[in-house]
PDB file of N, CA and C in Angstrom:
ATOM      1  N   MET A   1     -24.762  -8.120 -16.856  1.00  0.00           N
ATOM      2  CA  MET A   1     -24.302  -7.713 -15.567  1.00  0.00           C
ATOM      3  C   MET A   1     -22.826  -8.083 -15.433  1.00  0.00           C
ATOM      4  N   ILE A   2     -22.071  -7.195 -14.802  1.00  0.00           N
ATOM      5  CA  ILE A   2     -20.646  -7.418 -14.602  1.00  0.00           C
ATOM      6  C   ILE A   2     -20.451  -8.313 -13.386  1.00  0.00           C
ATOM      7  N   ASN A   3     -19.622  -9.322 -13.576  1.00  0.00           N
ATOM      8  CA  ASN A   3     -19.325 -10.235 -12.478  1.00  0.00           C
ATOM      9  C   ASN A   3     -18.070  -9.749 -11.758  1.00  0.00           C
ATOM     10  N   VAL A   4     -18.253  -9.133 -10.602  1.00  0.00           N
ATOM     11  CA  VAL A   4     -17.135  -8.629  -9.814  1.00  0.00           C
ATOM     12  C   VAL A   4     -16.945  -9.554  -8.617  1.00  0.00           C
ATOM     13  N   PRO A   5     -15.768 -10.168  -8.526  1.00  0.00           N
ATOM     14  CA  PRO A   5     -15.545 -11.060  -7.385  1.00  0.00           C
ATOM     15  C   PRO A   5     -15.520 -10.256  -6.088  1.00  0.00           C
ATOM     16  N   PRO A   6     -15.934 -10.867  -5.005  1.00  0.00           N
ATOM     17  CA  PRO A   6     -15.915 -10.143  -3.733  1.00  0.00           C
ATOM     18  C   PRO A   6     -14.481  -9.825  -3.316  1.00  0.00           C
ATOM     19  N   ALA A   7     -14.328  -8.676  -2.703  1.00  0.00           N
ATOM     20  CA  ALA A   7     -13.008  -8.279  -2.221  1.00  0.00           C
ATOM     21  C   ALA A   7     -12.619  -9.173  -1.050  1.00  0.00           C
ATOM     22  N   SER A   8     -11.371  -9.510  -1.013  1.00  0.00           N
ATOM     23  CA  SER A   8     -10.893 -10.304   0.118  1.00  0.00           C
ATOM     24  C   SER A   8      -9.867  -9.470   0.881  1.00  0.00           C
ATOM     25  N   PHE A   9     -10.141  -9.280   2.139  1.00  0.00           N
ATOM     26  CA  PHE A   9      -9.260  -8.479   2.971  1.00  0.00           C
ATOM     27  C   PHE A   9      -8.654  -9.339   4.063  1.00  0.00           C
ATOM     28  N   ARG A  10      -7.465  -8.986   4.443  1.00  0.00           N
ATOM     29  CA  ARG A  10      -6.806  -9.659   5.554  1.00  0.00           C
ATOM     30  C   ARG A  10      -6.669  -8.637   6.679  1.00  0.00           C
ATOM     31  N   VAL A  11      -7.038  -9.040   7.865  1.00  0.00           N
ATOM     32  CA  VAL A  11      -6.910  -8.172   9.032  1.00  0.00           C
ATOM     33  C   VAL A  11      -5.477  -8.276   9.544  1.00  0.00           C
ATOM     34  N   THR A  12      -4.826  -7.120   9.697  1.00  0.00           N
ATOM     35  CA  THR A  12      -3.468  -7.065  10.240  1.00  0.00           C
ATOM     36  C   THR A  12      -3.515  -6.248  11.530  1.00  0.00           C
ATOM     37  N   PRO A  13      -2.442  -6.236  12.280  1.00  0.00           N
ATOM     38  CA  PRO A  13      -2.430  -5.417  13.496  1.00  0.00           C
ATOM     39  C   PRO A  13      -2.622  -3.925  13.209  1.00  0.00           C
ATOM     40  N   TYR A  14      -2.388  -3.518  11.964  1.00  0.00           N
ATOM     41  CA  TYR A  14      -2.461  -2.105  11.609  1.00  0.00           C
ATOM     42  C   TYR A  14      -3.610  -1.794  10.666  1.00  0.00           C
ATOM     43  N   GLY A  15      -4.590  -2.635  10.615  1.00  0.00           N
ATOM     44  CA  GLY A  15      -5.762  -2.392   9.783  1.00  0.00           C
ATOM     45  C   GLY A  15      -5.918  -3.445   8.699  1.00  0.00           C
ATOM     46  N   GLU A  16      -7.026  -3.336   7.975  1.00  0.00           N
ATOM     47  CA  GLU A  16      -7.315  -4.287   6.901  1.00  0.00           C
ATOM     48  C   GLU A  16      -6.527  -3.930   5.647  1.00  0.00           C
ATOM     49  N   VAL A  17      -6.077  -4.952   4.943  1.00  0.00           N
ATOM     50  CA  VAL A  17      -5.395  -4.768   3.661  1.00  0.00           C
ATOM     51  C   VAL A  17      -5.958  -5.776   2.674  1.00  0.00           C
ATOM     52  N   ASP A  18      -5.856  -5.441   1.404  1.00  0.00           N
ATOM     53  CA  ASP A  18      -6.306  -6.338   0.346  1.00  0.00           C
ATOM     54  C   ASP A  18      -5.414  -7.577   0.352  1.00  0.00           C
ATOM     55  N   ALA A  19      -6.013  -8.746   0.453  1.00  0.00           N
ATOM     56  CA  ALA A  19      -5.252  -9.996   0.571  1.00  0.00           C
ATOM     57  C   ALA A  19      -4.402 -10.273  -0.664  1.00  0.00           C
ATOM     58  N   VAL A  20      -4.945 -10.036  -1.851  1.00  0.00           N
ATOM     59  CA  VAL A  20      -4.192 -10.289  -3.085  1.00  0.00           C
ATOM     60  C   VAL A  20      -3.019  -9.318  -3.194  1.00  0.00           C
ATOM     61  N   ALA A  21      -3.276  -8.043  -2.911  1.00  0.00           N
ATOM     62  CA  ALA A  21      -2.198  -7.051  -2.966  1.00  0.00           C
ATOM     63  C   ALA A  21      -1.110  -7.386  -1.950  1.00  0.00           C
ATOM     64  N   LEU A  22      -1.510  -7.850  -0.777  1.00  0.00           N
ATOM     65  CA  LEU A  22      -0.534  -8.222   0.245  1.00  0.00           C
ATOM     66  C   LEU A  22       0.338  -9.377  -0.237  1.00  0.00           C
ATOM     67  N   GLU A  23      -0.254 -10.376  -0.849  1.00  0.00           N
ATOM     68  CA  GLU A  23       0.539 -11.496  -1.368  1.00  0.00           C
ATOM     69  C   GLU A  23       1.502 -11.018  -2.450  1.00  0.00           C
ATOM     70  N   ASN A  24       1.047 -10.109  -3.311  1.00  0.00           N
ATOM     71  CA  ASN A  24       1.932  -9.552  -4.337  1.00  0.00           C
ATOM     72  C   ASN A  24       3.088  -8.792  -3.703  1.00  0.00           C
ATOM     73  N   LEU A  25       2.796  -8.021  -2.644  1.00  0.00           N
ATOM     74  CA  LEU A  25       3.864  -7.305  -1.945  1.00  0.00           C
ATOM     75  C   LEU A  25       4.851  -8.285  -1.325  1.00  0.00           C
ATOM     76  N   ARG A  26       4.339  -9.312  -0.715  1.00  0.00           N
ATOM     77  CA  ARG A  26       5.221 -10.291  -0.076  1.00  0.00           C
ATOM     78  C   ARG A  26       6.127 -10.975  -1.092  1.00  0.00           C
ATOM     79  N   ASP A  27       5.650 -11.109  -2.316  1.00  0.00           N
ATOM     80  CA  ASP A  27       6.447 -11.747  -3.362  1.00  0.00           C
ATOM     81  C   ASP A  27       7.518 -10.833  -3.938  1.00  0.00           C
ATOM     82  N   GLY A  28       7.305  -9.501  -3.882  1.00  0.00           N
ATOM     83  CA  GLY A  28       8.262  -8.670  -4.590  1.00  0.00           C
ATOM     84  C   GLY A  28       8.582  -7.311  -4.009  1.00  0.00           C
ATOM     85  N   PHE A  29       8.066  -6.960  -2.846  1.00  0.00           N
ATOM     86  CA  PHE A  29       8.337  -5.632  -2.301  1.00  0.00           C
ATOM     87  C   PHE A  29       9.557  -5.678  -1.403  1.00  0.00           C
ATOM     88  N   ASP A  30      10.498  -4.807  -1.677  1.00  0.00           N
ATOM     89  CA  ASP A  30      11.715  -4.705  -0.881  1.00  0.00           C
ATOM     90  C   ASP A  30      11.489  -3.629   0.175  1.00  0.00           C
ATOM     91  N   THR A  31      11.255  -4.036   1.412  1.00  0.00           N
ATOM     92  CA  THR A  31      10.956  -3.066   2.469  1.00  0.00           C
ATOM     93  C   THR A  31      12.126  -2.124   2.732  1.00  0.00           C
ATOM     94  N   SER A  32      13.324  -2.492   2.312  1.00  0.00           N
ATOM     95  CA  SER A  32      14.470  -1.602   2.513  1.00  0.00           C
ATOM     96  C   SER A  32      14.350  -0.334   1.670  1.00  0.00           C
ATOM     97  N   GLN A  33      13.424  -0.323   0.701  1.00  0.00           N
ATOM     98  CA  GLN A  33      13.165   0.909  -0.057  1.00  0.00           C
ATOM     99  C   GLN A  33      12.780   2.037   0.895  1.00  0.00           C
ATOM    100  N   LEU A  34      12.023   1.706   1.928  1.00  0.00           N
ATOM    101  CA  LEU A  34      11.623   2.716   2.902  1.00  0.00           C
ATOM    102  C   LEU A  34      12.836   3.243   3.667  1.00  0.00           C
ATOM    103  N   LEU A  35      13.794   2.380   3.952  1.00  0.00           N
ATOM    104  CA  LEU A  35      15.002   2.839   4.642  1.00  0.00           C
ATOM    105  C   LEU A  35      15.853   3.725   3.742  1.00  0.00           C
ATOM    106  N   ARG A  36      15.877   3.444   2.447  1.00  0.00           N
ATOM    107  CA  ARG A  36      16.602   4.318   1.521  1.00  0.00           C
ATOM    108  C   ARG A  36      15.941   5.691   1.463  1.00  0.00           C
ATOM    109  N   LEU A  37      14.609   5.718   1.584  1.00  0.00           N
ATOM    110  CA  LEU A  37      13.915   7.008   1.661  1.00  0.00           C
ATOM    111  C   LEU A  37      14.335   7.777   2.907  1.00  0.00           C
ATOM    112  N   VAL A  38      14.536   7.071   4.005  1.00  0.00           N
ATOM    113  CA  VAL A  38      15.000   7.720   5.232  1.00  0.00           C
ATOM    114  C   VAL A  38      16.364   8.365   4.987  1.00  0.00           C
ATOM    115  N   ASP A  39      17.265   7.661   4.312  1.00  0.00           N
ATOM    116  CA  ASP A  39      18.585   8.217   4.012  1.00  0.00           C
ATOM    117  C   ASP A  39      18.475   9.475   3.161  1.00  0.00           C
ATOM    118  N   ARG A  40      17.623   9.426   2.140  1.00  0.00           N
ATOM    119  CA  ARG A  40      17.451  10.606   1.283  1.00  0.00           C
ATOM    120  C   ARG A  40      16.811  11.745   2.062  1.00  0.00           C
ATOM    121  N   LEU A  41      15.876  11.404   2.936  1.00  0.00           N
ATOM    122  CA  LEU A  41      15.234  12.422   3.758  1.00  0.00           C
ATOM    123  C   LEU A  41      16.241  13.062   4.704  1.00  0.00           C
ATOM    124  N   ASP A  42      17.159  12.264   5.245  1.00  0.00           N
ATOM    125  CA  ASP A  42      18.200  12.814   6.114  1.00  0.00           C
ATOM    126  C   ASP A  42      19.015  13.869   5.375  1.00  0.00           C
ATOM    127  N   ALA A  43      19.381  13.578   4.136  1.00  0.00           N
ATOM    128  CA  ALA A  43      20.146  14.542   3.345  1.00  0.00           C
ATOM    129  C   ALA A  43      19.335  15.813   3.105  1.00  0.00           C
ATOM    130  N   CYS A  44      18.078  15.648   2.771  1.00  0.00           N
ATOM    131  CA  CYS A  44      17.196  16.793   2.544  1.00  0.00           C
ATOM    132  C   CYS A  44      17.001  17.572   3.838  1.00  0.00           C
ATOM    133  N   SER A  45      16.868  16.865   4.937  1.00  0.00           N
ATOM    134  CA  SER A  45      16.654  17.492   6.235  1.00  0.00           C
ATOM    135  C   SER A  45      17.840  18.364   6.622  1.00  0.00           C
ATOM    136  N   LEU A  46      19.037  17.876   6.382  1.00  0.00           N
ATOM    137  CA  LEU A  46      20.224  18.677   6.670  1.00  0.00           C
ATOM    138  C   LEU A  46      20.213  19.960   5.861  1.00  0.00           C
ATOM    139  N   GLU A  47      19.802  19.851   4.625  1.00  0.00           N
ATOM    140  CA  GLU A  47      19.738  21.007   3.739  1.00  0.00           C
ATOM    141  C   GLU A  47      18.749  22.050   4.255  1.00  0.00           C
ATOM    142  N   MET A  48      17.669  21.593   4.886  1.00  0.00           N
ATOM    143  CA  MET A  48      16.614  22.503   5.325  1.00  0.00           C
ATOM    144  C   MET A  48      16.697  22.845   6.808  1.00  0.00           C
ATOM    145  N   GLY A  49      17.690  22.350   7.502  1.00  0.00           N
ATOM    146  CA  GLY A  49      17.822  22.696   8.902  1.00  0.00           C
ATOM    147  C   GLY A  49      17.173  21.721   9.863  1.00  0.00           C
ATOM    148  N   GLY A  50      16.814  20.547   9.394  1.00  0.00           N
ATOM    149  CA  GLY A  50      16.317  19.493  10.275  1.00  0.00           C
ATOM    150  C   GLY A  50      14.812  19.375  10.351  1.00  0.00           C
ATOM    151  N   THR A  51      14.289  18.249   9.919  1.00  0.00           N
ATOM    152  CA  THR A  51      12.866  17.919  10.052  1.00  0.00           C
ATOM    153  C   THR A  51      12.779  16.455  10.461  1.00  0.00           C
ATOM    154  N   THR A  52      13.045  16.192  11.729  1.00  0.00           N
ATOM    155  CA  THR A  52      13.126  14.805  12.185  1.00  0.00           C
ATOM    156  C   THR A  52      11.769  14.134  12.326  1.00  0.00           C
ATOM    157  N   ALA A  53      10.691  14.897  12.429  1.00  0.00           N
ATOM    158  CA  ALA A  53       9.367  14.286  12.600  1.00  0.00           C
ATOM    159  C   ALA A  53       9.024  13.390  11.412  1.00  0.00           C
ATOM    160  N   ILE A  54       9.324  13.842  10.203  1.00  0.00           N
ATOM    161  CA  ILE A  54       9.021  13.046   9.011  1.00  0.00           C
ATOM    162  C   ILE A  54       9.864  11.773   9.010  1.00  0.00           C
ATOM    163  N   ARG A  55      11.102  11.894   9.425  1.00  0.00           N
ATOM    164  CA  ARG A  55      11.978  10.721   9.497  1.00  0.00           C
ATOM    165  C   ARG A  55      11.388   9.691  10.458  1.00  0.00           C
ATOM    166  N   ASP A  56      10.939  10.165  11.609  1.00  0.00           N
ATOM    167  CA  ASP A  56      10.341   9.261  12.591  1.00  0.00           C
ATOM    168  C   ASP A  56       9.077   8.602  12.042  1.00  0.00           C
ATOM    169  N   GLU A  57       8.261   9.379  11.311  1.00  0.00           N
ATOM    170  CA  GLU A  57       7.047   8.816  10.704  1.00  0.00           C
ATOM    171  C   GLU A  57       7.396   7.728   9.695  1.00  0.00           C
ATOM    172  N   LEU A  58       8.429   7.984   8.894  1.00  0.00           N
ATOM    173  CA  LEU A  58       8.836   7.018   7.873  1.00  0.00           C
ATOM    174  C   LEU A  58       9.370   5.738   8.518  1.00  0.00           C
ATOM    175  N   LEU A  59      10.135   5.869   9.577  1.00  0.00           N
ATOM    176  CA  LEU A  59      10.631   4.683  10.280  1.00  0.00           C
ATOM    177  C   LEU A  59       9.487   3.913  10.936  1.00  0.00           C
ATOM    178  N   ARG A  60       8.491   4.629  11.457  1.00  0.00           N
ATOM    179  CA  ARG A  60       7.317   3.971  12.050  1.00  0.00           C
ATOM    180  C   ARG A  60       6.562   3.189  10.973  1.00  0.00           C
ATOM    181  N   LEU A  61       6.371   3.824   9.799  1.00  0.00           N
ATOM    182  CA  LEU A  61       5.693   3.150   8.697  1.00  0.00           C
ATOM    183  C   LEU A  61       6.483   1.916   8.261  1.00  0.00           C
ATOM    184  N   HIS A  62       7.803   2.029   8.198  1.00  0.00           N
ATOM    185  CA  HIS A  62       8.648   0.897   7.823  1.00  0.00           C
ATOM    186  C   HIS A  62       8.455  -0.260   8.800  1.00  0.00           C
ATOM    187  N   ALA A  63       8.421   0.036  10.084  1.00  0.00           N
ATOM    188  CA  ALA A  63       8.218  -1.012  11.087  1.00  0.00           C
ATOM    189  C   ALA A  63       6.863  -1.686  10.909  1.00  0.00           C
ATOM    190  N   MET A  64       5.842  -0.904  10.598  1.00  0.00           N
ATOM    191  CA  MET A  64       4.511  -1.466  10.384  1.00  0.00           C
ATOM    192  C   MET A  64       4.501  -2.361   9.147  1.00  0.00           C
ATOM    193  N   VAL A  65       5.172  -1.909   8.086  1.00  0.00           N
ATOM    194  CA  VAL A  65       5.237  -2.689   6.845  1.00  0.00           C
ATOM    195  C   VAL A  65       5.994  -3.995   7.080  1.00  0.00           C
ATOM    196  N   LEU A  66       7.061  -3.947   7.856  1.00  0.00           N
ATOM    197  CA  LEU A  66       7.788  -5.182   8.164  1.00  0.00           C
ATOM    198  C   LEU A  66       6.871  -6.201   8.829  1.00  0.00           C
ATOM    199  N   THR A  67       6.019  -5.730   9.718  1.00  0.00           N
ATOM    200  CA  THR A  67       5.089  -6.638  10.396  1.00  0.00           C
ATOM    201  C   THR A  67       4.090  -7.223   9.413  1.00  0.00           C
ATOM    202  N   ILE A  68       3.516  -6.360   8.575  1.00  0.00           N
ATOM    203  CA  ILE A  68       2.466  -6.809   7.660  1.00  0.00           C
ATOM    204  C   ILE A  68       3.023  -7.652   6.514  1.00  0.00           C
ATOM    205  N   VAL A  69       4.092  -7.185   5.881  1.00  0.00           N
ATOM    206  CA  VAL A  69       4.603  -7.842   4.678  1.00  0.00           C
ATOM    207  C   VAL A  69       5.505  -9.029   5.008  1.00  0.00           C
ATOM    208  N   GLU A  70       6.377  -8.861   5.992  1.00  0.00           N
ATOM    209  CA  GLU A  70       7.358  -9.913   6.268  1.00  0.00           C
ATOM    210  C   GLU A  70       7.056 -10.726   7.521  1.00  0.00           C
ATOM    211  N   GLY A  71       5.993 -10.369   8.231  1.00  0.00           N
ATOM    212  CA  GLY A  71       5.611 -11.142   9.405  1.00  0.00           C
ATOM    213  C   GLY A  71       6.494 -10.943  10.620  1.00  0.00           C
ATOM    214  N   ILE A  72       7.266  -9.865  10.639  1.00  0.00           N
ATOM    215  CA  ILE A  72       8.127  -9.559  11.783  1.00  0.00           C
ATOM    216  C   ILE A  72       7.247  -9.212  12.987  1.00  0.00           C
ATOM    217  N   ALA A  73       7.717  -9.507  14.182  1.00  0.00           N
ATOM    218  CA  ALA A  73       6.954  -9.207  15.400  1.00  0.00           C
ATOM    219  C   ALA A  73       6.652  -7.713  15.498  1.00  0.00           C
ATOM    220  N   LEU A  74       5.548  -7.404  16.148  1.00  0.00           N
ATOM    221  CA  LEU A  74       5.136  -6.012  16.328  1.00  0.00           C
ATOM    222  C   LEU A  74       6.225  -5.201  17.017  1.00  0.00           C
ATOM    223  N   THR A  75       6.561  -4.056  16.445  1.00  0.00           N
ATOM    224  CA  THR A  75       7.454  -3.109  17.111  1.00  0.00           C
ATOM    225  C   THR A  75       6.749  -1.781  17.325  1.00  0.00           C
ATOM    226  N   VAL A  76       5.636  -1.583  16.633  1.00  0.00           N
ATOM    227  CA  VAL A  76       4.794  -0.400  16.809  1.00  0.00           C
ATOM    228  C   VAL A  76       3.514  -0.882  17.476  1.00  0.00           C
ATOM    229  N   PRO A  77       3.138  -0.290  18.615  1.00  0.00           N
ATOM    230  CA  PRO A  77       1.896  -0.719  19.269  1.00  0.00           C
ATOM    231  C   PRO A  77       0.716  -0.649  18.307  1.00  0.00           C
ATOM    232  N   ALA A  78      -0.084  -1.694  18.289  1.00  0.00           N
ATOM    233  CA  ALA A  78      -1.197  -1.775  17.343  1.00  0.00           C
ATOM    234  C   ALA A  78      -2.422  -0.997  17.809  1.00  0.00           C
ATOM    235  N   GLU A  79      -2.484  -0.645  19.089  1.00  0.00           N
ATOM    236  CA  GLU A  79      -3.635   0.093  19.586  1.00  0.00           C
ATOM    237  C   GLU A  79      -3.763   1.409  18.830  1.00  0.00           C
ATOM    238  N   SER A  80      -4.888   1.609  18.249  1.00  0.00           N
ATOM    239  CA  SER A  80      -5.236   2.822  17.490  1.00  0.00           C
ATOM    240  C   SER A  80      -4.228   3.159  16.391  1.00  0.00           C
ATOM    241  N   ALA A  81      -3.478   2.184  15.900  1.00  0.00           N
ATOM    242  CA  ALA A  81      -2.551   2.407  14.792  1.00  0.00           C
ATOM    243  C   ALA A  81      -3.171   1.851  13.520  1.00  0.00           C
ATOM    244  N   CYS A  82      -3.257   2.686  12.510  1.00  0.00           N
ATOM    245  CA  CYS A  82      -3.803   2.278  11.213  1.00  0.00           C
ATOM    246  C   CYS A  82      -2.770   2.617  10.145  1.00  0.00           C
ATOM    247  N   ILE A  83      -2.335   1.620   9.404  1.00  0.00           N
ATOM    248  CA  ILE A  83      -1.288   1.855   8.407  1.00  0.00           C
ATOM    249  C   ILE A  83      -1.720   2.881   7.369  1.00  0.00           C
ATOM    250  N   TRP A  84      -3.018   2.895   7.052  1.00  0.00           N
ATOM    251  CA  TRP A  84      -3.503   3.840   6.043  1.00  0.00           C
ATOM    252  C   TRP A  84      -3.433   5.272   6.563  1.00  0.00           C
ATOM    253  N   ALA A  85      -3.787   5.486   7.819  1.00  0.00           N
ATOM    254  CA  ALA A  85      -3.703   6.827   8.406  1.00  0.00           C
ATOM    255  C   ALA A  85      -2.244   7.270   8.512  1.00  0.00           C
ATOM    256  N   GLU A  86      -1.362   6.349   8.888  1.00  0.00           N
ATOM    257  CA  GLU A  86       0.070   6.666   8.968  1.00  0.00           C
ATOM    258  C   GLU A  86       0.614   7.065   7.595  1.00  0.00           C
ATOM    259  N   ALA A  87       0.258   6.288   6.577  1.00  0.00           N
ATOM    260  CA  ALA A  87       0.739   6.576   5.224  1.00  0.00           C
ATOM    261  C   ALA A  87       0.195   7.905   4.719  1.00  0.00           C
ATOM    262  N   GLU A  88      -1.076   8.184   4.989  1.00  0.00           N
ATOM    263  CA  GLU A  88      -1.675   9.440   4.536  1.00  0.00           C
ATOM    264  C   GLU A  88      -1.031  10.634   5.238  1.00  0.00           C
ATOM    265  N   SER A  89      -0.783  10.511   6.522  1.00  0.00           N
ATOM    266  CA  SER A  89      -0.132  11.583   7.269  1.00  0.00           C
ATOM    267  C   SER A  89       1.274  11.834   6.730  1.00  0.00           C
ATOM    268  N   LEU A  90       1.998  10.759   6.473  1.00  0.00           N
ATOM    269  CA  LEU A  90       3.346  10.878   5.925  1.00  0.00           C
ATOM    270  C   LEU A  90       3.316  11.516   4.543  1.00  0.00           C
ATOM    271  N   GLN A  91       2.360  11.122   3.716  1.00  0.00           N
ATOM    272  CA  GLN A  91       2.235  11.704   2.385  1.00  0.00           C
ATOM    273  C   GLN A  91       2.003  13.209   2.480  1.00  0.00           C
ATOM    274  N   THR A  92       1.123  13.630   3.365  1.00  0.00           N
ATOM    275  CA  THR A  92       0.845  15.057   3.540  1.00  0.00           C
ATOM    276  C   THR A  92       2.103  15.800   3.973  1.00  0.00           C
ATOM    277  N   ASP A  93       2.835  15.231   4.928  1.00  0.00           N
ATOM    278  CA  ASP A  93       4.060  15.875   5.400  1.00  0.00           C
ATOM    279  C   ASP A  93       5.126  15.937   4.315  1.00  0.00           C
ATOM    280  N   LEU A  94       5.256  14.874   3.520  1.00  0.00           N
ATOM    281  CA  LEU A  94       6.241  14.877   2.431  1.00  0.00           C
ATOM    282  C   LEU A  94       5.877  15.884   1.350  1.00  0.00           C
ATOM    283  N   GLU A  95       4.589  16.018   1.059  1.00  0.00           N
ATOM    284  CA  GLU A  95       4.156  17.023   0.087  1.00  0.00           C
ATOM    285  C   GLU A  95       4.476  18.425   0.592  1.00  0.00           C
ATOM    286  N   ALA A  96       4.245  18.669   1.876  1.00  0.00           N
ATOM    287  CA  ALA A  96       4.566  19.978   2.455  1.00  0.00           C
ATOM    288  C   ALA A  96       6.068  20.228   2.415  1.00  0.00           C
ATOM    289  N   LEU A  97       6.858  19.192   2.705  1.00  0.00           N
ATOM    290  CA  LEU A  97       8.310  19.314   2.646  1.00  0.00           C
ATOM    291  C   LEU A  97       8.773  19.618   1.224  1.00  0.00           C
ATOM    292  N   ALA A  98       8.206  18.918   0.254  1.00  0.00           N
ATOM    293  CA  ALA A  98       8.572  19.156  -1.146  1.00  0.00           C
ATOM    294  C   ALA A  98       8.222  20.579  -1.556  1.00  0.00           C
ATOM    295  N   PHE A  99       7.066  21.056  -1.122  1.00  0.00           N
ATOM    296  CA  PHE A  99       6.648  22.423  -1.437  1.00  0.00           C
ATOM    297  C   PHE A  99       7.611  23.423  -0.807  1.00  0.00           C
ATOM    298  N   ALA A 100       7.972  23.190   0.458  1.00  0.00           N
ATOM    299  CA  ALA A 100       8.896  24.091   1.147  1.00  0.00           C
ATOM    300  C   ALA A 100      10.269  24.063   0.488  1.00  0.00           C
ATOM    301  N   ARG A 101      10.725  22.883   0.134  1.00  0.00           N
ATOM    302  CA  ARG A 101      12.038  22.754  -0.507  1.00  0.00           C
ATOM    303  C   ARG A 101      12.052  23.452  -1.862  1.00  0.00           C
ATOM    304  N   PHE A 102      10.963  23.310  -2.609  1.00  0.00           N
ATOM    305  CA  PHE A 102      10.854  23.995  -3.894  1.00  0.00           C
ATOM    306  C   PHE A 102      10.929  25.502  -3.676  1.00  0.00           C
ATOM    307  N   GLY A 103      10.233  25.993  -2.656  1.00  0.00           N
ATOM    308  CA  GLY A 103      10.253  27.424  -2.356  1.00  0.00           C
ATOM    309  C   GLY A 103      11.641  27.913  -2.004  1.00  0.00           C
ATOM    310  N   ILE A 104      12.374  27.118  -1.233  1.00  0.00           N
ATOM    311  CA  ILE A 104      13.739  27.495  -0.868  1.00  0.00           C
ATOM    312  C   ILE A 104      14.605  27.597  -2.113  1.00  0.00           C
ATOM    313  N   HIS A 105      14.491  26.625  -3.013  1.00  0.00           N
ATOM    314  CA  HIS A 105      15.293  26.650  -4.240  1.00  0.00           C
ATOM    315  C   HIS A 105      14.895  27.823  -5.131  1.00  0.00           C
ATOM    316  N   GLN A 106      13.614  28.147  -5.176  1.00  0.00           N
ATOM    317  CA  GLN A 106      13.162  29.296  -5.964  1.00  0.00           C
ATOM    318  C   GLN A 106      13.762  30.582  -5.404  1.00  0.00           C
ATOM    319  N   ASN A 107      13.761  30.728  -4.080  1.00  0.00           N
ATOM    320  CA  ASN A 107      14.333  31.923  -3.457  1.00  0.00           C
ATOM    321  C   ASN A 107      15.831  32.013  -3.702  1.00  0.00           C
ATOM    322  N   GLU A 108      16.516  30.896  -3.603  1.00  0.00           N
ATOM    323  CA  GLU A 108      17.955  30.887  -3.858  1.00  0.00           C
ATOM    324  C   GLU A 108      18.251  31.284  -5.297  1.00  0.00           C
ATOM    325  N   ALA A 109      17.455  30.787  -6.236  1.00  0.00           N
ATOM    326  CA  ALA A 109      17.647  31.139  -7.646  1.00  0.00           C
ATOM    327  C   ALA A 109      17.387  32.622  -7.864  1.00  0.00           C
ATOM    328  N   ALA A 110      16.355  33.160  -7.223  1.00  0.00           N
ATOM    329  CA  ALA A 110      16.038  34.587  -7.368  1.00  0.00           C
ATOM    330  C   ALA A 110      17.161  35.439  -6.780  1.00  0.00           C
ATOM    331  N   GLU A 111      17.700  35.035  -5.632  1.00  0.00           N
ATOM    332  CA  GLU A 111      18.809  35.770  -5.025  1.00  0.00           C
ATOM    333  C   GLU A 111      20.032  35.730  -5.930  1.00  0.00           C
ATOM    334  N   HIS A 112      20.288  34.579  -6.526  1.00  0.00           N
ATOM    335  CA  HIS A 112      21.430  34.436  -7.425  1.00  0.00           C
ATOM    336  C   HIS A 112      21.278  35.361  -8.632  1.00  0.00           C
ATOM    337  N   ARG A 113      20.069  35.408  -9.199  1.00  0.00           N
ATOM    338  CA  ARG A 113      19.826  36.293 -10.347  1.00  0.00           C
ATOM    339  C   ARG A 113      19.980  37.751  -9.948  1.00  0.00           C
ATOM    340  N   THR A 114      19.551  38.106  -8.739  1.00  0.00           N
ATOM    341  CA  THR A 114      19.666  39.481  -8.262  1.00  0.00           C
ATOM    342  C   THR A 114      21.128  39.861  -8.098  1.00  0.00           C
ATOM    343  N   MET A 115      21.938  38.943  -7.587  1.00  0.00           N
ATOM    344  CA  MET A 115      23.362  39.218  -7.399  1.00  0.00           C
ATOM    345  C   MET A 115      24.079  39.390  -8.726  1.00  0.00           C
ATOM    346  N   GLU A 116      23.630  38.667  -9.739  1.00  0.00           N
ATOM    347  CA  GLU A 116      24.264  38.753 -11.052  1.00  0.00           C
ATOM    348  C   GLU A 116      23.915  40.047 -11.768  1.00  0.00           C
ATOM    349  N   ALA A 117      22.767  40.618 -11.430  1.00  0.00           N
ATOM    350  CA  ALA A 117      22.290  41.822 -12.134  1.00  0.00           C
ATOM    351  C   ALA A 117      22.996  43.064 -11.695  1.00  0.00           C
TER     352      ALA A 117
END
């Protein structure tokens, strides 16, 4: 029989997280990575005509991570806020943005080829 230790979870204002993973994050995760993503998203947003909702979602997630990882005071209300749902929603929106951006670049390339012909 396989001996699997019981999972240990820590309750945070934004939902349960794996206690060991949280300690690992606290030891080495640079939360400013999320802010650099905001900067890159701003550049992409300008290119596409503005998508501020994703930026707001990313900043909200960053605030939640600061609370969980670095122990900063709550800045996002904890009522009905789940970090996993926020992250999943953001992932879906970023995938849609990437798909749309890819489509725009494909159309631009096709137009360029048409102009050259």
